[in-house]
Amino acid sequence: MKKRMNTMYELTEQKKNDISVYGVKYGDLQIDDISTDKGRVKKFVDDINKYQLSPIHLGDVVVDFVESV
């Protein structure tokens, strides 16, 4: 039987000067303006959901993600 993945984190989109910027949201916790590359942020969100990242680590993981660009 395949284990169903719980989706904790969501991809967010905001418009800034007609440019879409993407971030991540978990409940009331939201980090905006991570990147303009939707596909890259979507994969990031999929990965942190897949590995069930604890929200306490989200800030550090986002910093690592942005620095890896």
N, C-alpha and C. Protein backbone atom coordinates (compact mmCIF):
# COMPACT_ATOMS: atom_id res chain seq x y z
N MET A 1 0.84 -1.17 0.00
CA MET A 1 0.00 0.00 0.00
C MET A 1 0.89 1.25 0.00
N LYS A 2 0.55 2.18 -0.87
CA LYS A 2 1.32 3.41 -0.99
C LYS A 2 0.91 4.39 0.10
N LYS A 3 1.91 4.95 0.78
CA LYS A 3 1.64 5.93 1.84
C LYS A 3 1.30 7.27 1.21
N ARG A 4 0.22 7.87 1.68
CA ARG A 4 -0.20 9.16 1.17
C ARG A 4 0.59 10.28 1.86
N MET A 5 1.08 11.21 1.06
CA MET A 5 1.87 12.31 1.58
C MET A 5 0.95 13.43 2.05
N ASN A 6 1.17 13.92 3.25
CA ASN A 6 0.43 15.08 3.75
C ASN A 6 1.07 16.34 3.20
N THR A 7 0.25 17.21 2.65
CA THR A 7 0.75 18.47 2.15
C THR A 7 0.67 19.49 3.28
N MET A 8 1.83 19.88 3.76
CA MET A 8 1.90 20.85 4.84
C MET A 8 2.19 22.24 4.29
N TYR A 9 3.08 22.30 3.34
CA TYR A 9 3.54 23.56 2.80
C TYR A 9 2.86 23.83 1.46
N GLU A 10 2.63 25.11 1.17
CA GLU A 10 1.99 25.50 -0.07
C GLU A 10 2.84 26.53 -0.80
N LEU A 11 2.80 26.49 -2.12
CA LEU A 11 3.44 27.49 -2.96
C LEU A 11 2.59 28.76 -2.92
N THR A 12 3.22 29.91 -2.78
CA THR A 12 2.49 31.18 -2.82
C THR A 12 2.98 32.00 -4.01
N GLU A 13 2.13 32.90 -4.47
CA GLU A 13 2.49 33.79 -5.57
C GLU A 13 2.02 35.20 -5.23
N GLN A 14 2.88 36.16 -5.49
CA GLN A 14 2.53 37.56 -5.33
C GLN A 14 3.03 38.31 -6.55
N LYS A 15 2.37 39.41 -6.85
CA LYS A 15 2.79 40.27 -7.96
C LYS A 15 3.51 41.49 -7.39
N LYS A 16 4.69 41.74 -7.91
CA LYS A 16 5.46 42.93 -7.54
C LYS A 16 5.88 43.61 -8.83
N ASN A 17 5.31 44.78 -9.09
CA ASN A 17 5.61 45.51 -10.33
C ASN A 17 5.39 44.63 -11.56
N ASP A 18 4.26 43.94 -11.59
CA ASP A 18 3.87 43.05 -12.70
C ASP A 18 4.80 41.84 -12.87
N ILE A 19 5.57 41.53 -11.87
CA ILE A 19 6.43 40.34 -11.91
C ILE A 19 5.95 39.40 -10.81
N SER A 20 5.76 38.13 -11.17
CA SER A 20 5.35 37.13 -10.17
C SER A 20 6.56 36.69 -9.36
N VAL A 21 6.40 36.69 -8.04
CA VAL A 21 7.42 36.16 -7.14
C VAL A 21 6.76 35.08 -6.30
N TYR A 22 7.53 34.05 -5.97
CA TYR A 22 6.98 32.87 -5.32
C TYR A 22 7.61 32.65 -3.96
N GLY A 23 6.82 32.07 -3.09
CA GLY A 23 7.27 31.79 -1.74
C GLY A 23 6.62 30.53 -1.23
N VAL A 24 6.65 30.37 0.09
CA VAL A 24 6.12 29.16 0.72
C VAL A 24 5.32 29.57 1.95
N LYS A 25 4.26 28.80 2.19
CA LYS A 25 3.38 29.08 3.32
C LYS A 25 3.10 27.79 4.08
N TYR A 26 3.07 27.91 5.41
CA TYR A 26 2.68 26.81 6.30
C TYR A 26 1.81 27.43 7.38
N GLY A 27 0.50 27.21 7.30
CA GLY A 27 -0.40 27.82 8.27
C GLY A 27 -0.27 29.33 8.22
N ASP A 28 0.01 29.94 9.37
CA ASP A 28 0.18 31.40 9.45
C ASP A 28 1.60 31.84 9.11
N LEU A 29 2.52 30.89 8.97
CA LEU A 29 3.91 31.18 8.65
C LEU A 29 4.06 31.28 7.13
N GLN A 30 4.56 32.41 6.65
CA GLN A 30 4.72 32.60 5.22
C GLN A 30 6.02 33.33 4.94
N ILE A 31 6.78 32.81 3.98
CA ILE A 31 8.01 33.45 3.53
C ILE A 31 7.82 33.78 2.06
N ASP A 32 7.82 35.07 1.76
CA ASP A 32 7.55 35.55 0.40
C ASP A 32 8.84 35.87 -0.33
N ASP A 33 8.69 36.05 -1.63
CA ASP A 33 9.77 36.57 -2.48
C ASP A 33 11.04 35.72 -2.42
N ILE A 34 10.86 34.41 -2.51
CA ILE A 34 12.01 33.51 -2.53
C ILE A 34 12.67 33.54 -3.90
N SER A 35 11.84 33.53 -4.96
CA SER A 35 12.38 33.49 -6.32
C SER A 35 11.28 33.84 -7.32
N THR A 36 11.70 34.23 -8.52
CA THR A 36 10.75 34.43 -9.61
C THR A 36 10.59 33.16 -10.43
N ASP A 37 11.36 32.14 -10.13
CA ASP A 37 11.32 30.86 -10.85
C ASP A 37 10.29 29.93 -10.20
N LYS A 38 9.09 29.93 -10.76
CA LYS A 38 8.00 29.14 -10.18
C LYS A 38 8.33 27.65 -10.10
N GLY A 39 8.89 27.10 -11.15
CA GLY A 39 9.21 25.67 -11.17
C GLY A 39 10.19 25.28 -10.08
N ARG A 40 11.17 26.12 -9.87
CA ARG A 40 12.19 25.85 -8.85
C ARG A 40 11.60 25.90 -7.44
N VAL A 41 10.75 26.90 -7.17
CA VAL A 41 10.13 27.01 -5.85
C VAL A 41 9.11 25.89 -5.65
N LYS A 42 8.40 25.52 -6.72
CA LYS A 42 7.44 24.41 -6.63
C LYS A 42 8.16 23.12 -6.26
N LYS A 43 9.30 22.85 -6.89
CA LYS A 43 10.07 21.65 -6.55
C LYS A 43 10.55 21.71 -5.10
N PHE A 44 10.98 22.88 -4.67
CA PHE A 44 11.40 23.07 -3.29
C PHE A 44 10.26 22.75 -2.33
N VAL A 45 9.07 23.28 -2.60
CA VAL A 45 7.90 23.01 -1.76
C VAL A 45 7.55 21.52 -1.79
N ASP A 46 7.60 20.91 -2.96
CA ASP A 46 7.33 19.47 -3.06
C ASP A 46 8.33 18.67 -2.22
N ASP A 47 9.59 19.06 -2.28
CA ASP A 47 10.62 18.35 -1.51
C ASP A 47 10.44 18.49 0.00
N ILE A 48 10.14 19.70 0.47
CA ILE A 48 9.99 19.85 1.92
C ILE A 48 8.73 19.15 2.41
N ASN A 49 7.72 19.03 1.55
CA ASN A 49 6.55 18.23 1.91
C ASN A 49 6.90 16.74 1.93
N LYS A 50 7.64 16.31 0.91
CA LYS A 50 8.01 14.89 0.80
C LYS A 50 8.79 14.43 2.03
N TYR A 51 9.71 15.27 2.48
CA TYR A 51 10.55 14.90 3.62
C TYR A 51 9.98 15.39 4.95
N GLN A 52 8.77 15.93 4.91
CA GLN A 52 8.03 16.35 6.10
C GLN A 52 8.88 17.23 7.02
N LEU A 53 9.41 18.30 6.43
CA LEU A 53 10.23 19.24 7.17
C LEU A 53 9.44 19.86 8.32
N SER A 54 10.04 19.88 9.49
CA SER A 54 9.44 20.56 10.63
C SER A 54 9.46 22.07 10.38
N PRO A 55 8.36 22.77 10.65
CA PRO A 55 8.31 24.21 10.41
C PRO A 55 9.39 25.00 11.15
N ILE A 56 9.92 24.46 12.22
CA ILE A 56 10.96 25.16 12.97
C ILE A 56 12.23 25.36 12.12
N HIS A 57 12.41 24.52 11.10
CA HIS A 57 13.60 24.58 10.25
C HIS A 57 13.37 25.34 8.95
N LEU A 58 12.14 25.80 8.71
CA LEU A 58 11.82 26.40 7.41
C LEU A 58 12.72 27.58 7.08
N GLY A 59 12.92 28.49 8.00
CA GLY A 59 13.75 29.67 7.72
C GLY A 59 15.15 29.30 7.27
N ASP A 60 15.77 28.38 7.98
CA ASP A 60 17.14 27.95 7.63
C ASP A 60 17.19 27.28 6.26
N VAL A 61 16.18 26.45 5.97
CA VAL A 61 16.15 25.74 4.70
C VAL A 61 15.92 26.71 3.55
N VAL A 62 15.09 27.73 3.76
CA VAL A 62 14.88 28.74 2.72
C VAL A 62 16.17 29.51 2.46
N VAL A 63 16.89 29.87 3.51
CA VAL A 63 18.18 30.57 3.34
C VAL A 63 19.13 29.71 2.52
N ASP A 64 19.23 28.43 2.85
CA ASP A 64 20.10 27.52 2.08
C ASP A 64 19.67 27.45 0.62
N PHE A 65 18.35 27.37 0.39
CA PHE A 65 17.82 27.30 -0.97
C PHE A 65 18.18 28.56 -1.75
N VAL A 66 17.96 29.71 -1.17
CA VAL A 66 18.26 30.99 -1.87
C VAL A 66 19.75 31.12 -2.13
N GLU A 67 20.58 30.73 -1.18
CA GLU A 67 22.03 30.84 -1.35
C GLU A 67 22.56 29.87 -2.41
N SER A 68 21.81 28.81 -2.70
CA SER A 68 22.27 27.82 -3.68
C SER A 68 22.00 28.27 -5.12
N VAL A 69 21.30 29.38 -5.27
CA VAL A 69 20.94 29.85 -6.63
C VAL A 69 22.14 30.46 -7.29
